Amino acid sequence: MSTVTRTLTGLRRIGVVAVVPALALTLAACGSDGAIDQQRSVTVVGTGQVSGAPDTLRADIGVEATAGDVTTALNETSEKVRAVTDSVVDAGVERKDVATQQVSVTPQYSSPAPGGSSQISGYMATNSIRVTIRDISKASTILSAAATAGGDNTRISDVAFAIDDDSQLLKEAREAAFDDARGRAEQYASLADDSLGKVLTIKETTSGQEQPASPGTFERDVAASPVPIEPGEQELTFTVTVTFGLN
């Protein structure tokens, strides 16, 4: 073979090799465009809020007692908490709505003398119950009865209103939140000269299902007189994050 012929053959081979990468790049580019089209979406946050009147009040009612030994401290709190339980039941709470919340005993220490160490001077016992009041009109009388029965040892805390059956309100809040999200997504799709496709993901959060009463904590000072209780209205809020596909 002549020198000229060998050179031409080499050039043809070089030309074939040069074409293949060009085709591969073209195919990859087409594939990338398809992947991007499949991922086109819009994510929005919608909010729905509804209001309802609370029909339930929950409160933690406890008694404390300090004594020189554990047995005496526990016995005193046990006696007091039984009196408190009987008083709230007599005032209108069903016994099934009274549940033990906490029982504890902790040592109390005296101030150490100069150069010495502190010593146990006694023990504090605590016994508390959680009371669910389903007739809010009786809540004031019930809390007062509990404070009177427990005397100066009474501690009332974590008083909060709630809606016992809020299923209908939650349903309405969800619908409002989703409608809000869809409306926002449709607007964005229109601004982008697109149309809204199927829902891809939904994530929701809720708040406001329980709210503290005001004031939040009652002490013995309110005993024997009705405790002011105003349930007002409770707001339930749903926030939903929705991802829609774009056509």
C-alpha atoms as a PDB file:
ATOM      1  CA  MET A   1       0.000   0.000   0.000  1.00  0.00           C
ATOM      2  CA  SER A   2       1.282   3.442  -0.868  1.00  0.00           C
ATOM      3  CA  THR A   3       1.971   6.123   1.671  1.00  0.00           C
ATOM      4  CA  VAL A   4      -1.001   8.179   0.416  1.00  0.00           C
ATOM      5  CA  THR A   5      -3.410   5.268   0.825  1.00  0.00           C
ATOM      6  CA  ARG A   6      -2.332   4.555   4.406  1.00  0.00           C
ATOM      7  CA  THR A   7      -2.813   8.197   5.302  1.00  0.00           C
ATOM      8  CA  LEU A   8      -6.372   8.329   3.933  1.00  0.00           C
ATOM      9  CA  THR A   9      -7.333   5.182   5.830  1.00  0.00           C
ATOM     10  CA  GLY A  10      -6.026   6.678   9.040  1.00  0.00           C
ATOM     11  CA  LEU A  11      -8.073   9.809   8.471  1.00  0.00           C
ATOM     12  CA  ARG A  12     -11.274   7.807   7.970  1.00  0.00           C
ATOM     13  CA  ARG A  13     -10.719   6.030  11.267  1.00  0.00           C
ATOM     14  CA  ILE A  14     -10.164   9.299  13.026  1.00  0.00           C
ATOM     15  CA  GLY A  15     -13.366  10.612  11.539  1.00  0.00           C
ATOM     16  CA  VAL A  16     -15.448   7.683  12.821  1.00  0.00           C
ATOM     17  CA  VAL A  17     -14.062   7.989  16.314  1.00  0.00           C
ATOM     18  CA  ALA A  18     -14.839  11.701  16.346  1.00  0.00           C
ATOM     19  CA  VAL A  19     -18.521  11.169  15.424  1.00  0.00           C
ATOM     20  CA  VAL A  20     -19.400   8.716  18.260  1.00  0.00           C
ATOM     21  CA  PRO A  21     -18.820  11.142  21.180  1.00  0.00           C
ATOM     22  CA  ALA A  22     -20.954  13.711  19.393  1.00  0.00           C
ATOM     23  CA  LEU A  23     -23.891  11.276  19.192  1.00  0.00           C
ATOM     24  CA  ALA A  24     -23.473  10.274  22.827  1.00  0.00           C
ATOM     25  CA  LEU A  25     -23.569  13.876  23.960  1.00  0.00           C
ATOM     26  CA  THR A  26     -26.736  14.488  21.944  1.00  0.00           C
ATOM     27  CA  LEU A  27     -28.499  11.473  23.477  1.00  0.00           C
ATOM     28  CA  ALA A  28     -27.441  12.461  27.006  1.00  0.00           C
ATOM     29  CA  ALA A  29     -28.763  15.939  26.477  1.00  0.00           C
ATOM     30  CA  CYS A  30     -32.134  14.569  25.348  1.00  0.00           C
ATOM     31  CA  GLY A  31     -32.265  12.334  28.426  1.00  0.00           C
ATOM     32  CA  SER A  32     -31.466  15.246  30.732  1.00  0.00           C
ATOM     33  CA  ASP A  33     -34.276  17.346  29.272  1.00  0.00           C
ATOM     34  CA  GLY A  34     -36.726  14.501  29.900  1.00  0.00           C
ATOM     35  CA  ALA A  35     -35.606  14.170  33.536  1.00  0.00           C
ATOM     36  CA  ILE A  36     -36.037  17.877  34.080  1.00  0.00           C
ATOM     37  CA  ASP A  37     -39.559  17.782  32.598  1.00  0.00           C
ATOM     38  CA  GLN A  38     -40.523  14.938  34.952  1.00  0.00           C
ATOM     39  CA  GLN A  39     -39.396  16.944  37.980  1.00  0.00           C
ATOM     40  CA  ARG A  40     -41.320  20.111  37.164  1.00  0.00           C
ATOM     41  CA  SER A  41     -43.458  20.907  40.211  1.00  0.00           C
ATOM     42  CA  VAL A  42     -44.602  23.669  42.533  1.00  0.00           C
ATOM     43  CA  THR A  43     -44.642  23.439  46.348  1.00  0.00           C
ATOM     44  CA  VAL A  44     -46.941  25.719  48.346  1.00  0.00           C
ATOM     45  CA  VAL A  45     -48.122  26.131  51.946  1.00  0.00           C
ATOM     46  CA  GLY A  46     -51.833  26.510  52.651  1.00  0.00           C
ATOM     47  CA  THR A  47     -53.459  27.506  55.949  1.00  0.00           C
ATOM     48  CA  GLY A  48     -56.928  26.770  57.276  1.00  0.00           C
ATOM     49  CA  GLN A  49     -58.314  28.127  60.534  1.00  0.00           C
ATOM     50  CA  VAL A  50     -61.607  27.431  62.290  1.00  0.00           C
ATOM     51  CA  SER A  51     -62.987  28.385  65.710  1.00  0.00           C
ATOM     52  CA  GLY A  52     -65.045  26.498  68.264  1.00  0.00           C
ATOM     53  CA  ALA A  53     -66.088  26.813  71.888  1.00  0.00           C
ATOM     54  CA  PRO A  54     -64.105  24.563  74.297  1.00  0.00           C
ATOM     55  CA  ASP A  55     -66.247  22.056  76.136  1.00  0.00           C
ATOM     56  CA  THR A  56     -63.616  20.488  78.417  1.00  0.00           C
ATOM     57  CA  LEU A  57     -61.204  21.745  81.059  1.00  0.00           C
ATOM     58  CA  ARG A  58     -58.257  19.748  82.390  1.00  0.00           C
ATOM     59  CA  ALA A  59     -56.298  20.575  85.520  1.00  0.00           C
ATOM     60  CA  ASP A  60     -53.557  18.972  87.581  1.00  0.00           C
ATOM     61  CA  ILE A  61     -54.462  19.162  91.279  1.00  0.00           C
ATOM     62  CA  GLY A  62     -51.833  18.123  93.773  1.00  0.00           C
ATOM     63  CA  VAL A  63     -51.048  18.256  97.481  1.00  0.00           C
ATOM     64  CA  GLU A  64     -47.686  18.617  99.198  1.00  0.00           C
ATOM     65  CA  ALA A  65     -46.676  17.706 102.730  1.00  0.00           C
ATOM     66  CA  THR A  66     -43.408  17.938 104.633  1.00  0.00           C
ATOM     67  CA  ALA A  67     -42.558  15.725 107.599  1.00  0.00           C
ATOM     68  CA  GLY A  68     -39.556  14.400 109.460  1.00  0.00           C
ATOM     69  CA  ASP A  69     -39.909  10.932 107.958  1.00  0.00           C
ATOM     70  CA  VAL A  70     -41.097   9.509 104.636  1.00  0.00           C
ATOM     71  CA  THR A  71     -44.067   7.599 106.049  1.00  0.00           C
ATOM     72  CA  THR A  72     -45.639  10.611 107.727  1.00  0.00           C
ATOM     73  CA  ALA A  73     -45.182  12.781 104.630  1.00  0.00           C
ATOM     74  CA  LEU A  74     -46.722  10.158 102.344  1.00  0.00           C
ATOM     75  CA  ASN A  75     -49.604   9.443 104.691  1.00  0.00           C
ATOM     76  CA  GLU A  76     -50.512  13.118 104.876  1.00  0.00           C
ATOM     77  CA  THR A  77     -50.519  13.565 101.092  1.00  0.00           C
ATOM     78  CA  SER A  78     -52.518  10.363 100.646  1.00  0.00           C
ATOM     79  CA  GLU A  79     -55.153  11.587 103.075  1.00  0.00           C
ATOM     80  CA  LYS A  80     -55.311  15.011 101.449  1.00  0.00           C
ATOM     81  CA  VAL A  81     -55.485  13.706  97.878  1.00  0.00           C
ATOM     82  CA  ARG A  82     -58.338  11.368  98.836  1.00  0.00           C
ATOM     83  CA  ALA A  83     -60.194  14.361 100.255  1.00  0.00           C
ATOM     84  CA  VAL A  84     -59.516  16.353  97.072  1.00  0.00           C
ATOM     85  CA  THR A  85     -60.694  13.470  94.878  1.00  0.00           C
ATOM     86  CA  ASP A  86     -63.905  13.040  96.851  1.00  0.00           C
ATOM     87  CA  SER A  87     -64.558  16.782  96.719  1.00  0.00           C
ATOM     88  CA  VAL A  88     -64.267  17.069  92.931  1.00  0.00           C
ATOM     89  CA  VAL A  89     -66.423  13.970  92.450  1.00  0.00           C
ATOM     90  CA  ASP A  90     -69.056  15.414  94.767  1.00  0.00           C
ATOM     91  CA  ALA A  91     -68.873  18.675  92.776  1.00  0.00           C
ATOM     92  CA  GLY A  92     -69.711  16.933  89.510  1.00  0.00           C
ATOM     93  CA  VAL A  93     -66.620  15.187  88.087  1.00  0.00           C
ATOM     94  CA  GLU A  94     -67.024  11.534  87.157  1.00  0.00           C
ATOM     95  CA  ARG A  95     -64.565   9.328  89.025  1.00  0.00           C
ATOM     96  CA  LYS A  96     -63.296   7.866  85.738  1.00  0.00           C
ATOM     97  CA  ASP A  97     -62.148  11.378  84.843  1.00  0.00           C
ATOM     98  CA  VAL A  98     -59.783  11.516  87.837  1.00  0.00           C
ATOM     99  CA  ALA A  99     -56.360   9.936  87.271  1.00  0.00           C
ATOM    100  CA  THR A 100     -53.221   9.865  89.405  1.00  0.00           C
ATOM    101  CA  GLN A 101     -50.605  12.060  87.762  1.00  0.00           C
ATOM    102  CA  GLN A 102     -47.572  11.942  90.034  1.00  0.00           C
ATOM    103  CA  VAL A 103     -46.416  10.559  93.382  1.00  0.00           C
ATOM    104  CA  SER A 104     -42.978  11.544  94.670  1.00  0.00           C
ATOM    105  CA  VAL A 105     -40.887  11.948  97.818  1.00  0.00           C
ATOM    106  CA  THR A 106     -37.788  14.139  97.983  1.00  0.00           C
ATOM    107  CA  PRO A 107     -35.464  14.829 100.929  1.00  0.00           C
ATOM    108  CA  GLN A 108     -35.157  18.326 102.354  1.00  0.00           C
ATOM    109  CA  TYR A 109     -31.760  19.562 103.537  1.00  0.00           C
ATOM    110  CA  SER A 110     -30.850  21.989 106.314  1.00  0.00           C
ATOM    111  CA  SER A 111     -28.375  24.808 105.792  1.00  0.00           C
ATOM    112  CA  PRO A 112     -24.875  23.535 106.529  1.00  0.00           C
ATOM    113  CA  ALA A 113     -23.028  24.893 109.550  1.00  0.00           C
ATOM    114  CA  PRO A 114     -19.722  26.634 108.922  1.00  0.00           C
ATOM    115  CA  GLY A 115     -17.229  23.979 107.910  1.00  0.00           C
ATOM    116  CA  GLY A 116     -19.886  21.272 108.008  1.00  0.00           C
ATOM    117  CA  SER A 117     -22.134  19.561 105.474  1.00  0.00           C
ATOM    118  CA  SER A 118     -25.889  19.798 105.016  1.00  0.00           C
ATOM    119  CA  GLN A 119     -28.070  17.157 106.620  1.00  0.00           C
ATOM    120  CA  ILE A 120     -31.486  15.772 105.732  1.00  0.00           C
ATOM    121  CA  SER A 121     -33.989  17.708 107.776  1.00  0.00           C
ATOM    122  CA  GLY A 122     -37.172  16.106 106.474  1.00  0.00           C
ATOM    123  CA  TYR A 123     -39.027  14.838 103.443  1.00  0.00           C
ATOM    124  CA  MET A 124     -41.480  16.447 101.035  1.00  0.00           C
ATOM    125  CA  ALA A 125     -44.134  14.208  99.500  1.00  0.00           C
ATOM    126  CA  THR A 126     -46.224  15.173  96.480  1.00  0.00           C
ATOM    127  CA  ASN A 127     -49.329  13.468  95.170  1.00  0.00           C
ATOM    128  CA  SER A 128     -51.234  14.915  92.225  1.00  0.00           C
ATOM    129  CA  ILE A 129     -54.221  13.958  90.107  1.00  0.00           C
ATOM    130  CA  ARG A 130     -55.371  15.070  86.675  1.00  0.00           C
ATOM    131  CA  VAL A 131     -59.015  16.068  86.604  1.00  0.00           C
ATOM    132  CA  THR A 132     -61.040  16.313  83.405  1.00  0.00           C
ATOM    133  CA  ILE A 133     -64.069  18.573  83.767  1.00  0.00           C
ATOM    134  CA  ARG A 134     -66.573  17.953  80.967  1.00  0.00           C
ATOM    135  CA  ASP A 135     -69.117  20.509  82.138  1.00  0.00           C
ATOM    136  CA  ILE A 136     -67.283  23.835  82.066  1.00  0.00           C
ATOM    137  CA  SER A 137     -70.140  25.556  83.860  1.00  0.00           C
ATOM    138  CA  LYS A 138     -69.097  23.568  86.971  1.00  0.00           C
ATOM    139  CA  ALA A 139     -65.336  24.203  86.603  1.00  0.00           C
ATOM    140  CA  SER A 140     -65.245  27.181  88.951  1.00  0.00           C
ATOM    141  CA  THR A 141     -67.030  25.287  91.736  1.00  0.00           C
ATOM    142  CA  ILE A 142     -64.927  22.163  91.226  1.00  0.00           C
ATOM    143  CA  LEU A 143     -61.581  23.976  91.485  1.00  0.00           C
ATOM    144  CA  SER A 144     -62.741  25.816  94.584  1.00  0.00           C
ATOM    145  CA  ALA A 145     -63.899  22.561  96.188  1.00  0.00           C
ATOM    146  CA  ALA A 146     -60.498  20.976  95.476  1.00  0.00           C
ATOM    147  CA  ALA A 147     -58.622  23.914  97.018  1.00  0.00           C
ATOM    148  CA  THR A 148     -60.810  23.858 100.091  1.00  0.00           C
ATOM    149  CA  ALA A 149     -60.400  20.095 100.578  1.00  0.00           C
ATOM    150  CA  GLY A 150     -56.628  20.213 100.186  1.00  0.00           C
ATOM    151  CA  GLY A 151     -56.152  23.301 102.333  1.00  0.00           C
ATOM    152  CA  ASP A 152     -52.812  25.096 102.281  1.00  0.00           C
ATOM    153  CA  ASN A 153     -51.201  21.982 100.810  1.00  0.00           C
ATOM    154  CA  THR A 154     -53.128  22.386  97.540  1.00  0.00           C
ATOM    155  CA  ARG A 155     -51.371  23.068  94.238  1.00  0.00           C
ATOM    156  CA  ILE A 156     -53.429  23.541  91.060  1.00  0.00           C
ATOM    157  CA  SER A 157     -51.572  23.865  87.761  1.00  0.00           C
ATOM    158  CA  ASP A 158     -51.615  23.146  84.013  1.00  0.00           C
ATOM    159  CA  VAL A 159     -55.212  24.278  83.643  1.00  0.00           C
ATOM    160  CA  ALA A 160     -56.134  24.072  79.957  1.00  0.00           C
ATOM    161  CA  PHE A 161     -59.262  24.184  77.816  1.00  0.00           C
ATOM    162  CA  ALA A 162     -59.888  21.686  75.038  1.00  0.00           C
ATOM    163  CA  ILE A 163     -62.569  20.617  72.598  1.00  0.00           C
ATOM    164  CA  ASP A 164     -63.411  17.045  73.457  1.00  0.00           C
ATOM    165  CA  ASP A 165     -64.663  16.065  70.000  1.00  0.00           C
ATOM    166  CA  ASP A 166     -62.953  18.309  67.463  1.00  0.00           C
ATOM    167  CA  SER A 167     -63.172  15.913  64.499  1.00  0.00           C
ATOM    168  CA  GLN A 168     -65.599  18.094  62.530  1.00  0.00           C
ATOM    169  CA  LEU A 169     -63.560  21.228  63.167  1.00  0.00           C
ATOM    170  CA  LEU A 170     -60.377  19.471  62.085  1.00  0.00           C
ATOM    171  CA  LYS A 171     -62.073  18.292  58.901  1.00  0.00           C
ATOM    172  CA  GLU A 172     -63.135  21.845  58.089  1.00  0.00           C
ATOM    173  CA  ALA A 173     -59.646  23.169  58.832  1.00  0.00           C
ATOM    174  CA  ARG A 174     -58.052  20.561  56.541  1.00  0.00           C
ATOM    175  CA  GLU A 175     -60.404  21.433  53.697  1.00  0.00           C
ATOM    176  CA  ALA A 176     -59.715  25.134  54.119  1.00  0.00           C
ATOM    177  CA  ALA A 177     -55.948  24.570  54.196  1.00  0.00           C
ATOM    178  CA  PHE A 178     -55.962  22.392  51.067  1.00  0.00           C
ATOM    179  CA  ASP A 179     -58.190  24.826  49.160  1.00  0.00           C
ATOM    180  CA  ASP A 180     -55.793  27.616  50.113  1.00  0.00           C
ATOM    181  CA  ALA A 181     -52.809  25.568  48.905  1.00  0.00           C
ATOM    182  CA  ARG A 182     -54.478  24.677  45.595  1.00  0.00           C
ATOM    183  CA  GLY A 183     -55.404  28.313  44.970  1.00  0.00           C
ATOM    184  CA  ARG A 184     -51.815  29.427  45.505  1.00  0.00           C
ATOM    185  CA  ALA A 185     -50.458  26.628  43.291  1.00  0.00           C
ATOM    186  CA  GLU A 186     -52.879  27.463  40.474  1.00  0.00           C
ATOM    187  CA  GLN A 187     -51.771  31.086  40.573  1.00  0.00           C
ATOM    188  CA  TYR A 188     -48.088  30.128  40.350  1.00  0.00           C
ATOM    189  CA  ALA A 189     -48.792  27.687  37.521  1.00  0.00           C
ATOM    190  CA  SER A 190     -50.625  30.392  35.599  1.00  0.00           C
ATOM    191  CA  LEU A 191     -47.789  32.878  36.135  1.00  0.00           C
ATOM    192  CA  ALA A 192     -45.383  30.265  34.733  1.00  0.00           C
ATOM    193  CA  ASP A 193     -47.649  29.623  31.704  1.00  0.00           C
ATOM    194  CA  ASP A 194     -48.290  26.088  32.924  1.00  0.00           C
ATOM    195  CA  SER A 195     -51.261  24.106  34.159  1.00  0.00           C
ATOM    196  CA  LEU A 196     -51.540  22.322  37.486  1.00  0.00           C
ATOM    197  CA  GLY A 197     -51.036  18.562  37.515  1.00  0.00           C
ATOM    198  CA  LYS A 198     -51.508  15.835  40.112  1.00  0.00           C
ATOM    199  CA  VAL A 199     -50.692  16.148  43.805  1.00  0.00           C
ATOM    200  CA  LEU A 200     -47.264  14.649  44.498  1.00  0.00           C
ATOM    201  CA  THR A 201     -46.862  15.071  48.274  1.00  0.00           C
ATOM    202  CA  ILE A 202     -48.907  16.372  51.236  1.00  0.00           C
ATOM    203  CA  LYS A 203     -47.554  17.236  54.695  1.00  0.00           C
ATOM    204  CA  GLU A 204     -49.700  18.753  57.431  1.00  0.00           C
ATOM    205  CA  THR A 205     -49.273  20.320  60.870  1.00  0.00           C
ATOM    206  CA  THR A 206     -51.920  21.386  63.371  1.00  0.00           C
ATOM    207  CA  SER A 207     -52.036  23.675  66.395  1.00  0.00           C
ATOM    208  CA  GLY A 208     -54.450  25.111  68.920  1.00  0.00           C
ATOM    209  CA  GLN A 209     -56.120  21.883  70.043  1.00  0.00           C
ATOM    210  CA  GLU A 210     -55.511  22.742  73.674  1.00  0.00           C
ATOM    211  CA  GLN A 211     -55.027  26.157  75.228  1.00  0.00           C
ATOM    212  CA  PRO A 212     -54.150  27.169  78.778  1.00  0.00           C
ATOM    213  CA  ALA A 213     -56.761  28.849  80.907  1.00  0.00           C
ATOM    214  CA  SER A 214     -56.012  32.264  82.302  1.00  0.00           C
ATOM    215  CA  PRO A 215     -54.449  32.457  84.805  1.00  0.00           C
ATOM    216  CA  GLY A 216     -52.458  29.256  84.208  1.00  0.00           C
ATOM    217  CA  THR A 217     -51.810  28.354  87.853  1.00  0.00           C
ATOM    218  CA  PHE A 218     -54.037  28.496  90.940  1.00  0.00           C
ATOM    219  CA  GLU A 219     -52.769  28.359  94.503  1.00  0.00           C
ATOM    220  CA  ARG A 220     -54.509  28.121  97.861  1.00  0.00           C
ATOM    221  CA  ASP A 221     -55.354  31.854  97.812  1.00  0.00           C
ATOM    222  CA  VAL A 222     -58.386  31.173  95.608  1.00  0.00           C
ATOM    223  CA  ALA A 223     -59.868  28.525  97.881  1.00  0.00           C
ATOM    224  CA  ALA A 224     -63.430  28.780  99.173  1.00  0.00           C
ATOM    225  CA  SER A 225     -64.420  31.344  96.529  1.00  0.00           C
ATOM    226  CA  PRO A 226     -65.405  30.522  92.935  1.00  0.00           C
ATOM    227  CA  VAL A 227     -62.448  30.568  90.556  1.00  0.00           C
ATOM    228  CA  PRO A 228     -63.143  32.801  87.520  1.00  0.00           C
ATOM    229  CA  ILE A 229     -63.188  30.619  84.409  1.00  0.00           C
ATOM    230  CA  GLU A 230     -63.778  32.031  80.914  1.00  0.00           C
ATOM    231  CA  PRO A 231     -63.398  29.468  78.095  1.00  0.00           C
ATOM    232  CA  GLY A 232     -63.848  31.938  75.222  1.00  0.00           C
ATOM    233  CA  GLU A 233     -63.238  30.422  71.778  1.00  0.00           C
ATOM    234  CA  GLN A 234     -60.539  28.057  70.698  1.00  0.00           C
ATOM    235  CA  GLU A 235     -58.928  28.285  67.272  1.00  0.00           C
ATOM    236  CA  LEU A 236     -57.742  25.213  65.390  1.00  0.00           C
ATOM    237  CA  THR A 237     -55.193  25.880  62.679  1.00  0.00           C
ATOM    238  CA  PHE A 238     -54.017  23.493  59.979  1.00  0.00           C
ATOM    239  CA  THR A 239     -50.983  24.187  57.850  1.00  0.00           C
ATOM    240  CA  VAL A 240     -50.513  21.921  54.854  1.00  0.00           C
ATOM    241  CA  THR A 241     -47.540  21.781  52.503  1.00  0.00           C
ATOM    242  CA  VAL A 242     -48.525  20.410  49.094  1.00  0.00           C
ATOM    243  CA  THR A 243     -46.392  19.675  46.055  1.00  0.00           C
ATOM    244  CA  PHE A 244     -48.236  19.696  42.717  1.00  0.00           C
ATOM    245  CA  GLY A 245     -46.860  18.490  39.402  1.00  0.00           C
ATOM    246  CA  LEU A 246     -46.868  20.893  36.479  1.00  0.00           C
ATOM    247  CA  ASN A 247     -48.162  19.794  33.089  1.00  0.00           C
END
